[in-house]
């Protein structure tokens, strides 16, 4: 995790280095521009001098570009500071138990659990997929219209059981013919053991699954 936060800081440092390099190049070009402008003024034809307003306009335009680049550099520095502060705040999730919207659960010691709440009493269909997206188990379930928990022991329709791994559930409310009508939202629970920033946003690592912070419903600190 320290490495992940450090990598975020390194990105900020890289941005700063790139901005400094851009500014140095701009300063050099600005001095070159002034040198050329001065040379043009000194060596212009006295019988047909160039309009001084044209030189002034060029100088103003160049100064405007320089100011805009400086402003962009300042904004990048502010954004880098905000990102670093945000990363530090997400680290506080580590060690807490969260409940989040999501279909992934870890099968360990012969058990994987999903929690859901259906809108009404109805017939339902539960499907479980492996990490490759293959349907490995399917069963009917009675939806109660209240909070329910489905526990899977790793047994598959083919008869070859799984002992561990990450699996994904899909739950549907069905009609009398067993055809899916609508999806039932699933919630997962687990303890956060890491935070990943490599995708550009904070993703919590929970029991081998990745859960975006935006999907978190509740947070409980263990022992508190």
Protein backbone atom coordinates (compact mmCIF):
# COMPACT_ATOMS: atom_id res chain seq x y z
CA UNK A 1 0.00 0.00 0.00
CA UNK A 2 2.90 2.30 0.81
CA UNK A 3 4.19 1.57 -2.68
CA UNK A 4 0.81 2.51 -4.17
CA UNK A 5 0.74 5.83 -2.34
CA UNK A 6 4.34 6.43 -3.27
CA UNK A 7 3.52 5.75 -6.91
CA UNK A 8 0.83 8.41 -6.72
CA UNK A 9 3.33 10.86 -5.28
CA UNK A 10 5.77 9.92 -8.04
CA UNK A 11 3.16 10.85 -10.62
CA UNK A 12 2.83 14.24 -8.99
CA UNK A 13 6.60 14.62 -9.03
CA UNK A 14 6.73 13.66 -12.69
CA UNK A 15 4.11 16.27 -13.50
CA UNK A 16 6.15 18.88 -11.64
CA UNK A 17 9.30 17.89 -13.53
CA UNK A 18 7.46 18.08 -16.86
CA UNK A 19 6.03 21.48 -15.96
CA UNK A 20 9.48 22.75 -14.96
CA UNK A 21 10.93 21.52 -18.24
CA UNK A 22 8.13 23.21 -20.20
CA UNK A 23 8.68 26.45 -18.31
CA UNK A 24 12.44 26.34 -18.92
CA UNK A 25 11.86 25.81 -22.64
CA UNK A 26 9.38 28.67 -22.67
CA UNK A 27 11.82 30.99 -20.90
CA UNK A 28 14.53 30.14 -23.42
CA UNK A 29 12.15 30.71 -26.33
CA UNK A 30 10.97 33.98 -24.81
CA UNK A 31 14.55 35.26 -24.55
CA UNK A 32 15.16 34.12 -28.12
CA UNK A 33 12.01 35.92 -29.25
CA UNK A 34 13.13 39.17 -27.59
CA UNK A 35 16.59 38.81 -29.13
CA UNK A 36 15.14 38.34 -32.63
CA UNK A 37 12.71 41.19 -32.11
CA UNK A 38 15.51 43.52 -31.00
CA UNK A 39 17.65 42.48 -33.98
CA UNK A 40 14.75 43.13 -36.37
CA UNK A 41 14.25 46.60 -34.94
CA UNK A 42 17.96 47.43 -35.19
CA UNK A 43 18.30 46.19 -38.75
CA UNK A 44 15.02 47.30 -40.30
CA UNK A 45 15.11 49.54 -43.38
CA UNK A 46 14.97 53.14 -42.10
CA UNK A 47 13.19 54.17 -45.36
CA UNK A 48 10.54 51.49 -44.87
CA UNK A 49 10.27 50.74 -41.14
CA UNK A 50 7.89 48.08 -39.91
CA UNK A 51 4.86 49.10 -37.95
CA UNK A 52 5.79 49.21 -34.26
CA UNK A 53 2.29 48.04 -33.33
CA UNK A 54 3.01 44.69 -35.02
CA UNK A 55 6.00 44.11 -32.74
CA UNK A 56 3.90 45.09 -29.75
CA UNK A 57 1.09 42.74 -30.77
CA UNK A 58 3.52 39.83 -31.13
CA UNK A 59 4.99 40.58 -27.72
CA UNK A 60 1.55 40.70 -26.08
CA UNK A 61 0.50 37.42 -27.69
CA UNK A 62 3.66 35.68 -26.55
CA UNK A 63 3.25 37.03 -23.02
CA UNK A 64 -0.35 35.77 -22.95
CA UNK A 65 0.78 32.27 -23.90
CA UNK A 66 3.47 32.37 -21.22
CA UNK A 67 0.93 33.42 -18.58
CA UNK A 68 -1.50 30.67 -19.62
CA UNK A 69 1.20 28.00 -19.30
CA UNK A 70 2.11 29.25 -15.83
CA UNK A 71 -1.57 29.10 -14.83
CA UNK A 72 -1.86 25.52 -16.10
CA UNK A 73 1.24 24.54 -14.13
CA UNK A 74 -0.29 25.99 -10.96
CA UNK A 75 -3.55 24.09 -11.54
CA UNK A 76 -1.65 20.83 -12.06
CA UNK A 77 0.16 21.38 -8.76
CA UNK A 78 -3.17 21.94 -6.97
CA UNK A 79 -4.68 18.80 -8.52
CA UNK A 80 -1.65 16.74 -7.52
CA UNK A 81 -2.04 17.93 -3.91
CA UNK A 82 -5.74 17.05 -3.91
CA UNK A 83 -5.04 13.57 -5.29
CA UNK A 84 -2.39 12.92 -2.63
CA UNK A 85 -4.75 14.08 0.14
CA UNK A 86 -7.53 11.87 -1.23
CA UNK A 87 -5.25 8.85 -1.35
CA UNK A 88 -4.32 9.32 2.30
CA UNK A 89 -7.99 9.46 3.34
CA UNK A 90 -8.84 6.19 1.55
CA UNK A 91 -6.10 4.36 3.44
CA UNK A 92 -8.31 4.68 6.56
CA UNK A 93 -10.59 2.03 5.03
CA UNK A 94 -7.94 -0.64 5.61
CA UNK A 95 -8.98 -2.97 8.43
CA UNK A 96 -12.64 -1.91 8.37
CA UNK A 97 -15.57 -4.10 7.39
CA UNK A 98 -17.62 -2.67 4.54
CA UNK A 99 -20.90 -3.45 2.86
CA UNK A 100 -21.03 -2.53 -0.81
CA UNK A 101 -23.00 -3.04 -3.98
CA UNK A 102 -21.32 -5.76 -5.99
CA UNK A 103 -21.60 -9.29 -7.28
CA UNK A 104 -18.17 -10.67 -6.35
CA UNK A 105 -17.49 -12.88 -3.36
CA UNK A 106 -14.57 -15.02 -2.28
CA UNK A 107 -15.09 -18.75 -1.81
CA UNK A 108 -13.12 -19.79 1.26
CA UNK A 109 -13.47 -22.83 3.51
CA UNK A 110 -16.36 -24.04 1.39
CA UNK A 111 -18.48 -20.92 1.61
CA UNK A 112 -19.21 -17.80 -0.44
CA UNK A 113 -21.96 -15.40 0.65
CA UNK A 114 -24.06 -12.74 -1.06
CA UNK A 115 -26.71 -10.50 0.52
CA UNK A 116 -29.64 -8.97 -1.34
CA UNK A 117 -33.07 -7.42 -0.81
CA UNK A 118 -35.85 -8.03 -3.30
CA UNK A 119 -38.73 -5.60 -3.80
CA UNK A 120 -41.50 -8.17 -3.30
CA UNK A 121 -42.27 -11.82 -2.67
CA UNK A 122 -41.65 -13.70 -5.89
CA UNK A 123 -39.85 -16.58 -7.53
CA UNK A 124 -36.19 -15.98 -8.22
CA UNK A 125 -33.24 -17.35 -10.12
CA UNK A 126 -29.67 -17.41 -8.80
CA UNK A 127 -26.71 -17.81 -11.16
CA UNK A 128 -23.07 -18.05 -10.12
CA UNK A 129 -20.18 -17.47 -12.52
CA UNK A 130 -16.47 -18.12 -12.16
CA UNK A 131 -13.85 -15.43 -12.72
CA UNK A 132 -13.76 -16.28 -16.45
CA UNK A 133 -17.48 -15.51 -16.81
CA UNK A 134 -18.56 -19.16 -17.13
CA UNK A 135 -21.86 -20.17 -15.52
CA UNK A 136 -21.01 -22.85 -12.96
CA UNK A 137 -24.13 -23.06 -10.81
CA UNK A 138 -27.81 -22.18 -11.14
CA UNK A 139 -30.74 -22.64 -8.80
CA UNK A 140 -34.22 -21.34 -8.12
CA UNK A 141 -34.91 -19.34 -4.96
CA UNK A 142 -37.94 -17.90 -3.22
CA UNK A 143 -37.65 -14.12 -2.85
CA UNK A 144 -39.14 -12.85 0.42
CA UNK A 145 -39.26 -9.10 -0.26
CA UNK A 146 -36.81 -8.54 2.62
CA UNK A 147 -33.09 -8.95 3.22
CA UNK A 148 -31.82 -12.42 2.35
CA UNK A 149 -28.48 -14.18 2.20
CA UNK A 150 -27.38 -16.80 -0.28
CA UNK A 151 -24.54 -19.08 0.70
CA UNK A 152 -22.82 -21.26 -1.89
CA UNK A 153 -20.61 -24.19 -0.95
CA UNK A 154 -18.65 -24.38 -4.19
CA UNK A 155 -20.60 -27.25 -5.74
CA UNK A 156 -21.23 -26.87 -9.48
CA UNK A 157 -23.86 -28.14 -11.87
CA UNK A 158 -21.22 -30.33 -13.52
CA UNK A 159 -20.42 -32.03 -10.22
CA UNK A 160 -16.84 -30.74 -9.99
CA UNK A 161 -16.68 -28.55 -6.87
CA UNK A 162 -14.55 -25.47 -6.37
CA UNK A 163 -12.58 -25.08 -3.17
CA UNK A 164 -11.56 -21.44 -3.52
CA UNK A 165 -11.59 -18.47 -5.86
CA UNK A 166 -13.56 -15.33 -6.68
CA UNK A 167 -17.08 -15.83 -8.01
CA UNK A 168 -19.84 -13.55 -9.25
CA UNK A 169 -23.56 -13.93 -8.59
CA UNK A 170 -26.58 -12.71 -10.52
CA UNK A 171 -30.07 -12.81 -9.01
CA UNK A 172 -33.27 -12.28 -10.97
CA UNK A 173 -36.93 -12.02 -10.17
CA UNK A 174 -38.72 -14.41 -12.55
CA UNK A 175 -42.21 -14.98 -13.89
CA UNK A 176 -44.21 -18.19 -13.59
CA UNK A 177 -42.31 -19.69 -16.51
CA UNK A 178 -38.99 -19.05 -14.78
CA UNK A 179 -37.99 -16.30 -17.20
CA UNK A 180 -36.03 -13.38 -15.69
CA UNK A 181 -38.04 -10.18 -15.25
CA UNK A 182 -35.64 -7.89 -13.42
CA UNK A 183 -32.28 -7.94 -11.66
CA UNK A 184 -32.10 -7.91 -7.87
CA UNK A 185 -29.23 -5.73 -6.52
CA UNK A 186 -26.60 -7.69 -4.61
CA UNK A 187 -24.50 -6.56 -1.68
CA UNK A 188 -21.23 -7.98 -0.43
CA UNK A 189 -19.49 -7.71 2.93
CA UNK A 190 -15.86 -8.07 3.86
CA UNK A 191 -12.77 -6.59 5.49
CA UNK A 192 -10.66 -4.16 3.47
CA UNK A 193 -7.07 -5.34 3.24
CA UNK A 194 -5.73 -2.87 0.65
CA UNK A 195 -6.44 0.10 -1.61
CA UNK A 196 -5.47 0.20 -5.27
CA UNK A 197 -4.95 3.54 -7.07
CA UNK A 198 -3.55 2.17 -10.34
CA UNK A 199 -6.80 2.69 -12.28
CA UNK A 200 -6.99 6.41 -11.48
CA UNK A 201 -9.59 6.02 -8.72
CA UNK A 202 -9.62 4.36 -5.31
CA UNK A 203 -10.53 0.65 -5.46
CA UNK A 204 -10.84 -1.28 -2.21
CA UNK A 205 -9.41 -4.79 -2.09
CA UNK A 206 -11.78 -6.98 -0.08
CA UNK A 207 -11.21 -10.72 0.32
CA UNK A 208 -9.62 -10.96 -3.11
CA UNK A 209 -12.25 -8.78 -4.83
CA UNK A 210 -11.93 -5.20 -6.07
CA UNK A 211 -14.70 -2.81 -5.02
CA UNK A 212 -14.81 0.86 -6.10
CA UNK A 213 -15.27 3.26 -3.18
CA UNK A 214 -18.38 4.68 -4.91
CA UNK A 215 -20.18 1.34 -4.33
CA UNK A 216 -19.64 1.31 -0.55
CA UNK A 217 -22.90 1.45 1.45
CA UNK A 218 -21.61 1.21 5.02
CA UNK A 219 -18.35 0.99 6.94
CA UNK A 220 -17.84 -0.67 10.32
CA UNK A 221 -14.61 -0.58 12.25
CA UNK A 222 -13.85 -3.96 13.78
CA UNK A 223 -14.04 -4.02 17.53
CA UNK A 224 -15.73 -0.61 17.57
